[in-house]
PDB file of all heavy atoms in Angstrom:
ATOM      1  N   ALA A   1     171.608  -5.188-157.504  1.00  0.00           N
ATOM      2  CA  ALA A   1     170.343  -5.517-156.880  1.00  0.00           C
ATOM      3  C   ALA A   1     170.205  -7.012-156.690  1.00  0.00           C
ATOM      4  O   ALA A   1     169.593  -7.476-155.737  1.00  0.00           O
ATOM      5  CB  ALA A   1     169.183  -5.007-157.741  1.00  0.00           C
ATOM      6  N   ASP A   2     170.781  -7.808-157.610  1.00  0.00           N
ATOM      7  CA  ASP A   2     170.717  -9.254-157.487  1.00  0.00           C
ATOM      8  C   ASP A   2     171.733  -9.768-156.502  1.00  0.00           C
ATOM      9  O   ASP A   2     171.506 -10.747-155.811  1.00  0.00           O
ATOM     10  CB  ASP A   2     170.956  -9.925-158.844  1.00  0.00           C
ATOM     11  CG  ASP A   2     169.821  -9.618-159.810  1.00  0.00           C
ATOM     12  OD1 ASP A   2     168.716  -9.335-159.314  1.00  0.00           O
ATOM     13  OD2 ASP A   2     170.063  -9.659-161.033  1.00  0.00           O
ATOM     14  N   SER A   3     172.931  -9.133-156.436  1.00  0.00           N
ATOM     15  CA  SER A   3     174.026  -9.645-155.616  1.00  0.00           C
ATOM     16  C   SER A   3     173.995  -9.131-154.200  1.00  0.00           C
ATOM     17  O   SER A   3     174.649  -9.645-153.325  1.00  0.00           O
ATOM     18  CB  SER A   3     175.363  -9.264-156.251  1.00  0.00           C
ATOM     19  OG  SER A   3     175.516  -7.871-156.186  1.00  0.00           O
ATOM     20  N   GLY A   4     173.276  -8.039-153.963  1.00  0.00           N
ATOM     21  CA  GLY A   4     173.273  -7.450-152.629  1.00  0.00           C
ATOM     22  C   GLY A   4     174.547  -6.734-152.337  1.00  0.00           C
ATOM     23  O   GLY A   4     174.877  -6.466-151.198  1.00  0.00           O
ATOM     24  N   ASP A   5     175.367  -6.376-153.368  1.00  0.00           N
ATOM     25  CA  ASP A   5     176.642  -5.706-153.165  1.00  0.00           C
ATOM     26  C   ASP A   5     176.442  -4.211-153.159  1.00  0.00           C
ATOM     27  O   ASP A   5     175.394  -3.725-152.774  1.00  0.00           O
ATOM     28  CB  ASP A   5     177.627  -6.138-154.246  1.00  0.00           C
ATOM     29  CG  ASP A   5     179.037  -6.252-153.701  1.00  0.00           C
ATOM     30  OD1 ASP A   5     179.478  -5.294-153.061  1.00  0.00           O
ATOM     31  OD2 ASP A   5     179.662  -7.291-153.923  1.00  0.00           O
ATOM     32  N   ALA A   6     177.438  -3.462-153.669  1.00  0.00           N
ATOM     33  CA  ALA A   6     177.479  -2.015-153.499  1.00  0.00           C
ATOM     34  C   ALA A   6     176.203  -1.346-153.936  1.00  0.00           C
ATOM     35  O   ALA A   6     175.610  -0.561-153.210  1.00  0.00           O
ATOM     36  CB  ALA A   6     178.668  -1.446-154.270  1.00  0.00           C
ATOM     37  N   GLY A   7     175.759  -1.618-155.200  1.00  0.00           N
ATOM     38  CA  GLY A   7     174.577  -0.935-155.690  1.00  0.00           C
ATOM     39  C   GLY A   7     173.359  -1.295-154.886  1.00  0.00           C
ATOM     40  O   GLY A   7     172.523  -0.457-154.572  1.00  0.00           O
ATOM     41  N   GLY A   8     173.211  -2.620-154.550  1.00  0.00           N
ATOM     42  CA  GLY A   8     172.067  -3.054-153.778  1.00  0.00           C
ATOM     43  C   GLY A   8     172.057  -2.438-152.402  1.00  0.00           C
ATOM     44  O   GLY A   8     171.010  -2.092-151.866  1.00  0.00           O
ATOM     45  N   THR A   9     173.228  -2.317-151.786  1.00  0.00           N
ATOM     46  CA  THR A   9     173.314  -1.709-150.457  1.00  0.00           C
ATOM     47  C   THR A   9     172.844  -0.274-150.490  1.00  0.00           C
ATOM     48  O   THR A   9     172.106   0.180-149.612  1.00  0.00           O
ATOM     49  CB  THR A   9     174.765  -1.773-149.948  1.00  0.00           C
ATOM     50  OG1 THR A   9     175.176  -3.125-149.889  1.00  0.00           O
ATOM     51  CG2 THR A   9     174.869  -1.146-148.563  1.00  0.00           C
ATOM     52  N   ASP A  10     173.247   0.467-151.523  1.00  0.00           N
ATOM     53  CA  ASP A  10     172.867   1.863-151.622  1.00  0.00           C
ATOM     54  C   ASP A  10     171.366   1.985-151.813  1.00  0.00           C
ATOM     55  O   ASP A  10     170.710   2.821-151.213  1.00  0.00           O
ATOM     56  CB  ASP A  10     173.602   2.525-152.787  1.00  0.00           C
ATOM     57  CG  ASP A  10     173.323   4.016-152.862  1.00  0.00           C
ATOM     58  OD1 ASP A  10     173.541   4.685-151.852  1.00  0.00           O
ATOM     59  OD2 ASP A  10     172.873   4.484-153.919  1.00  0.00           O
ATOM     60  N   THR A  11     170.786   1.111-152.675  1.00  0.00           N
ATOM     61  CA  THR A  11     169.347   1.157-152.908  1.00  0.00           C
ATOM     62  C   THR A  11     168.585   0.825-151.645  1.00  0.00           C
ATOM     63  O   THR A  11     167.599   1.479-151.293  1.00  0.00           O
ATOM     64  CB  THR A  11     168.975   0.146-154.021  1.00  0.00           C
ATOM     65  OG1 THR A  11     169.689   0.491-155.203  1.00  0.00           O
ATOM     66  CG2 THR A  11     167.479   0.190-154.292  1.00  0.00           C
ATOM     67  N   THR A  12     169.037  -0.212-150.916  1.00  0.00           N
ATOM     68  CA  THR A  12     168.392  -0.582-149.657  1.00  0.00           C
ATOM     69  C   THR A  12     168.449   0.557-148.664  1.00  0.00           C
ATOM     70  O   THR A  12     167.483   0.839-147.941  1.00  0.00           O
ATOM     71  CB  THR A  12     169.084  -1.824-149.054  1.00  0.00           C
ATOM     72  OG1 THR A  12     169.027  -2.880-150.001  1.00  0.00           O
ATOM     73  CG2 THR A  12     168.386  -2.250-147.768  1.00  0.00           C
ATOM     74  N   ALA A  13     169.599   1.235-148.609  1.00  0.00           N
ATOM     75  CA  ALA A  13     169.753   2.355-147.679  1.00  0.00           C
ATOM     76  C   ALA A  13     168.737   3.445-147.972  1.00  0.00           C
ATOM     77  O   ALA A  13     168.127   4.027-147.074  1.00  0.00           O
ATOM     78  CB  ALA A  13     171.175   2.908-147.769  1.00  0.00           C
ATOM     79  N   ARG A  14     168.532   3.735-149.243  1.00  0.00           N
ATOM     80  CA  ARG A  14     167.582   4.785-149.609  1.00  0.00           C
ATOM     81  C   ARG A  14     166.169   4.403-149.206  1.00  0.00           C
ATOM     82  O   ARG A  14     165.399   5.223-148.699  1.00  0.00           O
ATOM     83  CB  ARG A  14     167.666   5.038-151.119  1.00  0.00           C
ATOM     84  CG  ARG A  14     168.986   5.652-151.560  1.00  0.00           C
ATOM     85  CD  ARG A  14     168.998   5.881-153.060  1.00  0.00           C
ATOM     86  NE  ARG A  14     170.281   6.414-153.499  1.00  0.00           N
ATOM     87  CZ  ARG A  14     170.572   6.696-154.745  1.00  0.00           C
ATOM     88  NH1 ARG A  14     169.655   6.519-155.699  1.00  0.00           N
ATOM     89  NH2 ARG A  14     171.764   7.156-155.077  1.00  0.00           N
ATOM     90  N   VAL A  15     165.818   3.118-149.468  1.00  0.00           N
ATOM     91  CA  VAL A  15     164.476   2.670-149.117  1.00  0.00           C
ATOM     92  C   VAL A  15     164.259   2.755-147.614  1.00  0.00           C
ATOM     93  O   VAL A  15     163.230   3.242-147.133  1.00  0.00           O
ATOM     94  CB  VAL A  15     164.259   1.224-149.609  1.00  0.00           C
ATOM     95  CG1 VAL A  15     162.937   0.674-149.086  1.00  0.00           C
ATOM     96  CG2 VAL A  15     164.274   1.185-151.131  1.00  0.00           C
ATOM     97  N   LEU A  16     165.232   2.269-146.831  1.00  0.00           N
ATOM     98  CA  LEU A  16     165.113   2.332-145.375  1.00  0.00           C
ATOM     99  C   LEU A  16     165.034   3.777-144.892  1.00  0.00           C
ATOM    100  O   LEU A  16     164.321   4.098-143.945  1.00  0.00           O
ATOM    101  CB  LEU A  16     166.310   1.624-144.724  1.00  0.00           C
ATOM    102  CG  LEU A  16     166.343   0.100-144.874  1.00  0.00           C
ATOM    103  CD1 LEU A  16     167.633  -0.453-144.278  1.00  0.00           C
ATOM    104  CD2 LEU A  16     165.134  -0.521-144.202  1.00  0.00           C
ATOM    105  N   GLY A  17     165.780   4.656-145.535  1.00  0.00           N
ATOM    106  CA  GLY A  17     165.743   6.063-145.159  1.00  0.00           C
ATOM    107  C   GLY A  17     164.362   6.648-145.351  1.00  0.00           C
ATOM    108  O   GLY A  17     163.836   7.384-144.504  1.00  0.00           O
ATOM    109  N   ILE A  18     163.741   6.337-146.491  1.00  0.00           N
ATOM    110  CA  ILE A  18     162.396   6.842-146.769  1.00  0.00           C
ATOM    111  C   ILE A  18     161.401   6.288-145.766  1.00  0.00           C
ATOM    112  O   ILE A  18     160.538   6.994-145.247  1.00  0.00           O
ATOM    113  CB  ILE A  18     161.983   6.479-148.206  1.00  0.00           C
ATOM    114  CG1 ILE A  18     162.881   7.225-149.208  1.00  0.00           C
ATOM    115  CG2 ILE A  18     160.523   6.820-148.449  1.00  0.00           C
ATOM    116  CD1 ILE A  18     162.665   6.811-150.639  1.00  0.00           C
ATOM    117  N   VAL A  19     161.531   4.984-145.461  1.00  0.00           N
ATOM    118  CA  VAL A  19     160.644   4.375-144.465  1.00  0.00           C
ATOM    119  C   VAL A  19     160.796   5.065-143.119  1.00  0.00           C
ATOM    120  O   VAL A  19     159.817   5.346-142.422  1.00  0.00           O
ATOM    121  CB  VAL A  19     160.953   2.872-144.323  1.00  0.00           C
ATOM    122  CG1 VAL A  19     160.179   2.276-143.154  1.00  0.00           C
ATOM    123  CG2 VAL A  19     160.593   2.146-145.617  1.00  0.00           C
ATOM    124  N   GLY A  20     162.041   5.373-142.746  1.00  0.00           N
ATOM    125  CA  GLY A  20     162.276   6.047-141.470  1.00  0.00           C
ATOM    126  C   GLY A  20     161.611   7.402-141.417  1.00  0.00           C
ATOM    127  O   GLY A  20     161.024   7.811-140.410  1.00  0.00           O
ATOM    128  N   ILE A  21     161.711   8.156-142.518  1.00  0.00           N
ATOM    129  CA  ILE A  21     161.086   9.480-142.555  1.00  0.00           C
ATOM    130  C   ILE A  21     159.573   9.361-142.409  1.00  0.00           C
ATOM    131  O   ILE A  21     158.929  10.118-141.674  1.00  0.00           O
ATOM    132  CB  ILE A  21     161.443  10.188-143.876  1.00  0.00           C
ATOM    133  CG1 ILE A  21     162.945  10.504-143.893  1.00  0.00           C
ATOM    134  CG2 ILE A  21     160.641  11.468-144.038  1.00  0.00           C
ATOM    135  CD1 ILE A  21     163.418  11.082-145.206  1.00  0.00           C
ATOM    136  N   VAL A  22     158.977   8.382-143.127  1.00  0.00           N
ATOM    137  CA  VAL A  22     157.527   8.199-143.056  1.00  0.00           C
ATOM    138  C   VAL A  22     157.097   7.849-141.639  1.00  0.00           C
ATOM    139  O   VAL A  22     156.118   8.377-141.114  1.00  0.00           O
ATOM    140  CB  VAL A  22     157.091   7.097-144.045  1.00  0.00           C
ATOM    141  CG1 VAL A  22     155.621   6.759-143.843  1.00  0.00           C
ATOM    142  CG2 VAL A  22     157.326   7.550-145.475  1.00  0.00           C
ATOM    143  N   VAL A  23     157.846   6.938-140.985  1.00  0.00           N
ATOM    144  CA  VAL A  23     157.520   6.544-139.610  1.00  0.00           C
ATOM    145  C   VAL A  23     157.592   7.739-138.669  1.00  0.00           C
ATOM    146  O   VAL A  23     156.718   7.965-137.835  1.00  0.00           O
ATOM    147  CB  VAL A  23     158.469   5.427-139.124  1.00  0.00           C
ATOM    148  CG1 VAL A  23     158.268   5.157-137.636  1.00  0.00           C
ATOM    149  CG2 VAL A  23     158.222   4.160-139.921  1.00  0.00           C
ATOM    150  N   GLY A  24     158.655   8.527-138.818  1.00  0.00           N
ATOM    151  CA  GLY A  24     158.804   9.700-137.960  1.00  0.00           C
ATOM    152  C   GLY A  24     157.691  10.698-138.170  1.00  0.00           C
ATOM    153  O   GLY A  24     157.134  11.264-137.223  1.00  0.00           O
ATOM    154  N   ALA A  25     157.370  10.953-139.425  1.00  0.00           N
ATOM    155  CA  ALA A  25     156.310  11.917-139.728  1.00  0.00           C
ATOM    156  C   ALA A  25     154.977  11.444-139.178  1.00  0.00           C
ATOM    157  O   ALA A  25     154.171  12.228-138.664  1.00  0.00           O
ATOM    158  CB  ALA A  25     156.226  12.123-141.234  1.00  0.00           C
ATOM    159  N   ALA A  26     154.704  10.140-139.289  1.00  0.00           N
ATOM    160  CA  ALA A  26     153.449   9.600-138.770  1.00  0.00           C
ATOM    161  C   ALA A  26     153.369   9.785-137.259  1.00  0.00           C
ATOM    162  O   ALA A  26     152.315  10.128-136.708  1.00  0.00           O
ATOM    163  CB  ALA A  26     153.337   8.123-139.141  1.00  0.00           C
ATOM    164  N   GLY A  27     154.477   9.581-136.572  1.00  0.00           N
ATOM    165  CA  GLY A  27     154.482   9.748-135.121  1.00  0.00           C
ATOM    166  C   GLY A  27     154.209  11.183-134.722  1.00  0.00           C
ATOM    167  O   GLY A  27     153.451  11.463-133.796  1.00  0.00           O
ATOM    168  N   VAL A  28     154.822  12.134-135.429  1.00  0.00           N
ATOM    169  CA  VAL A  28     154.591  13.542-135.118  1.00  0.00           C
ATOM    170  C   VAL A  28     153.145  13.919-135.356  1.00  0.00           C
ATOM    171  O   VAL A  28     152.499  14.592-134.565  1.00  0.00           O
ATOM    172  CB  VAL A  28     155.533  14.427-135.977  1.00  0.00           C
ATOM    173  CG1 VAL A  28     155.187  15.884-135.804  1.00  0.00           C
ATOM    174  CG2 VAL A  28     156.979  14.188-135.580  1.00  0.00           C
ATOM    175  N   ALA A  29     152.606  13.460-136.488  1.00  0.00           N
ATOM    176  CA  ALA A  29     151.213  13.792-136.824  1.00  0.00           C
ATOM    177  C   ALA A  29     150.256  13.237-135.782  1.00  0.00           C
ATOM    178  O   ALA A  29     149.291  13.889-135.378  1.00  0.00           O
ATOM    179  CB  ALA A  29     150.876  13.237-138.209  1.00  0.00           C
ATOM    180  N   TYR A  30     150.531  12.021-135.328  1.00  0.00           N
ATOM    181  CA  TYR A  30     149.669  11.412-134.322  1.00  0.00           C
ATOM    182  C   TYR A  30     149.685  12.215-133.024  1.00  0.00           C
ATOM    183  O   TYR A  30     148.661  12.451-132.395  1.00  0.00           O
ATOM    184  CB  TYR A  30     150.128   9.976-134.051  1.00  0.00           C
ATOM    185  CG  TYR A  30     149.284   9.252-133.000  1.00  0.00           C
ATOM    186  CD1 TYR A  30     148.074   8.657-133.344  1.00  0.00           C
ATOM    187  CD2 TYR A  30     149.705   9.207-131.670  1.00  0.00           C
ATOM    188  CE1 TYR A  30     147.306   8.016-132.382  1.00  0.00           C
ATOM    189  CE2 TYR A  30     148.945   8.578-130.709  1.00  0.00           C
ATOM    190  CZ  TYR A  30     147.740   7.981-131.071  1.00  0.00           C
ATOM    191  OH  TYR A  30     146.991   7.358-130.124  1.00  0.00           O
ATOM    192  N   GLY A  31     150.888  12.661-132.647  1.00  0.00           N
ATOM    193  CA  GLY A  31     151.003  13.443-131.419  1.00  0.00           C
ATOM    194  C   GLY A  31     150.253  14.752-131.507  1.00  0.00           C
ATOM    195  O   GLY A  31     149.562  15.181-130.572  1.00  0.00           O
ATOM    196  N   VAL A  32     150.377  15.445-132.621  1.00  0.00           N
ATOM    197  CA  VAL A  32     149.678  16.725-132.802  1.00  0.00           C
ATOM    198  C   VAL A  32     148.177  16.521-132.754  1.00  0.00           C
ATOM    199  O   VAL A  32     147.434  17.268-132.121  1.00  0.00           O
ATOM    200  CB  VAL A  32     150.091  17.369-134.132  1.00  0.00           C
ATOM    201  CG1 VAL A  32     149.236  18.582-134.414  1.00  0.00           C
ATOM    202  CG2 VAL A  32     151.566  17.754-134.089  1.00  0.00           C
ATOM    203  N   LEU A  33     147.673  15.475-133.464  1.00  0.00           N
ATOM    204  CA  LEU A  33     146.250  15.203-133.501  1.00  0.00           C
ATOM    205  C   LEU A  33     145.734  14.880-132.108  1.00  0.00           C
ATOM    206  O   LEU A  33     144.682  15.355-131.699  1.00  0.00           O
ATOM    207  CB  LEU A  33     145.974  14.042-134.461  1.00  0.00           C
ATOM    208  CG  LEU A  33     144.498  13.654-134.626  1.00  0.00           C
ATOM    209  CD1 LEU A  33     143.685  14.831-135.146  1.00  0.00           C
ATOM    210  CD2 LEU A  33     144.361  12.463-135.572  1.00  0.00           C
ATOM    211  N   ALA A  34     146.466  14.058-131.371  1.00  0.00           N
ATOM    212  CA  ALA A  34     146.021  13.689-130.016  1.00  0.00           C
ATOM    213  C   ALA A  34     145.981  14.905-129.115  1.00  0.00           C
ATOM    214  O   ALA A  34     145.082  15.068-128.280  1.00  0.00           O
ATOM    215  CB  ALA A  34     146.969  12.634-129.433  1.00  0.00           C
ATOM    216  N   GLY A  35     146.951  15.791-129.274  1.00  0.00           N
ATOM    217  CA  GLY A  35     146.976  17.003-128.458  1.00  0.00           C
ATOM    218  C   GLY A  35     145.762  17.867-128.737  1.00  0.00           C
ATOM    219  O   GLY A  35     145.163  18.467-127.831  1.00  0.00           O
ATOM    220  N   ARG A  36     145.383  17.999-129.962  1.00  0.00           N
ATOM    221  CA  ARG A  36     144.221  18.816-130.315  1.00  0.00           C
ATOM    222  C   ARG A  36     142.930  18.233-129.749  1.00  0.00           C
ATOM    223  O   ARG A  36     142.048  18.963-129.277  1.00  0.00           O
ATOM    224  CB  ARG A  36     144.118  18.918-131.842  1.00  0.00           C
ATOM    225  CG  ARG A  36     145.187  19.810-132.458  1.00  0.00           C
ATOM    226  CD  ARG A  36     145.026  19.877-133.953  1.00  0.00           C
ATOM    227  NE  ARG A  36     146.008  20.773-134.544  1.00  0.00           N
ATOM    228  CZ  ARG A  36     146.116  20.994-135.867  1.00  0.00           C
ATOM    229  NH1 ARG A  36     145.285  20.375-136.712  1.00  0.00           N
ATOM    230  NH2 ARG A  36     147.056  21.814-136.331  1.00  0.00           N
ATOM    231  N   ARG A  37     142.833  16.889-129.781  1.00  0.00           N
ATOM    232  CA  ARG A  37     141.631  16.261-129.237  1.00  0.00           C
ATOM    233  C   ARG A  37     141.489  16.529-127.754  1.00  0.00           C
ATOM    234  O   ARG A  37     140.405  16.796-127.261  1.00  0.00           O
ATOM    235  CB  ARG A  37     141.690  14.747-129.493  1.00  0.00           C
ATOM    236  CG  ARG A  37     141.475  14.378-130.978  1.00  0.00           C
ATOM    237  CD  ARG A  37     141.582  12.887-131.166  1.00  0.00           C
ATOM    238  NE  ARG A  37     141.305  12.532-132.565  1.00  0.00           N
ATOM    239  CZ  ARG A  37     141.428  11.299-133.034  1.00  0.00           C
ATOM    240  NH1 ARG A  37     141.837  10.307-132.211  1.00  0.00           N
ATOM    241  NH2 ARG A  37     141.175  11.042-134.317  1.00  0.00           N
ATOM    242  N   ARG A  38     142.605  16.473-127.006  1.00  0.00           N
ATOM    243  CA  ARG A  38     142.541  16.763-125.573  1.00  0.00           C
ATOM    244  C   ARG A  38     142.155  18.201-125.335  1.00  0.00           C
ATOM    245  O   ARG A  38     141.389  18.526-124.419  1.00  0.00           O
ATOM    246  CB  ARG A  38     143.894  16.462-124.928  1.00  0.00           C
ATOM    247  CG  ARG A  38     144.252  14.964-124.846  1.00  0.00           C
ATOM    248  CD  ARG A  38     145.306  14.711-123.776  1.00  0.00           C
ATOM    249  NE  ARG A  38     146.443  15.568-123.989  1.00  0.00           N
ATOM    250  CZ  ARG A  38     147.460  15.256-124.805  1.00  0.00           C
ATOM    251  NH1 ARG A  38     147.428  14.118-125.463  1.00  0.00           N
ATOM    252  NH2 ARG A  38     148.477  16.068-124.952  1.00  0.00           N
ATOM    253  N   ALA A  39     142.664  19.099-126.189  1.00  0.00           N
ATOM    254  CA  ALA A  39     142.338  20.515-126.003  1.00  0.00           C
ATOM    255  C   ALA A  39     140.857  20.761-126.251  1.00  0.00           C
ATOM    256  O   ALA A  39     140.188  21.523-125.553  1.00  0.00           O
ATOM    257  CB  ALA A  39     143.183  21.359-126.954  1.00  0.00           C
ATOM    258  N   ASP A  40     140.287  20.110-127.275  1.00  0.00           N
ATOM    259  CA  ASP A  40     138.867  20.264-127.585  1.00  0.00           C
ATOM    260  C   ASP A  40     138.007  19.711-126.486  1.00  0.00           C
ATOM    261  O   ASP A  40     136.920  20.214-126.177  1.00  0.00           O
ATOM    262  CB  ASP A  40     138.532  19.566-128.912  1.00  0.00           C
ATOM    263  CG  ASP A  40     139.210  20.269-130.071  1.00  0.00           C
ATOM    264  OD1 ASP A  40     139.598  21.448-129.904  1.00  0.00           O
ATOM    265  OD2 ASP A  40     139.370  19.642-131.157  1.00  0.00           O
ATOM    266  N   ALA A  41     138.493  18.596-125.848  1.00  0.00           N
ATOM    267  CA  ALA A  41     137.712  17.980-124.777  1.00  0.00           C
ATOM    268  C   ALA A  41     137.691  18.884-123.564  1.00  0.00           C
ATOM    269  O   ALA A  41     136.783  18.864-122.778  1.00  0.00           O
ATOM    270  CB  ALA A  41     138.305  16.630-124.432  1.00  0.00           C
TER     271      ALA A  41
END
């Protein structure tokens, strides 16, 4: 974690992976919500 070598790279990869999943999920949720609002209108 201090050197940014093998272990740090793996940890960074996991963090970025989680961030990617959260971003993707947020985008899907936003799309579904917007679709429902148009349908209600």
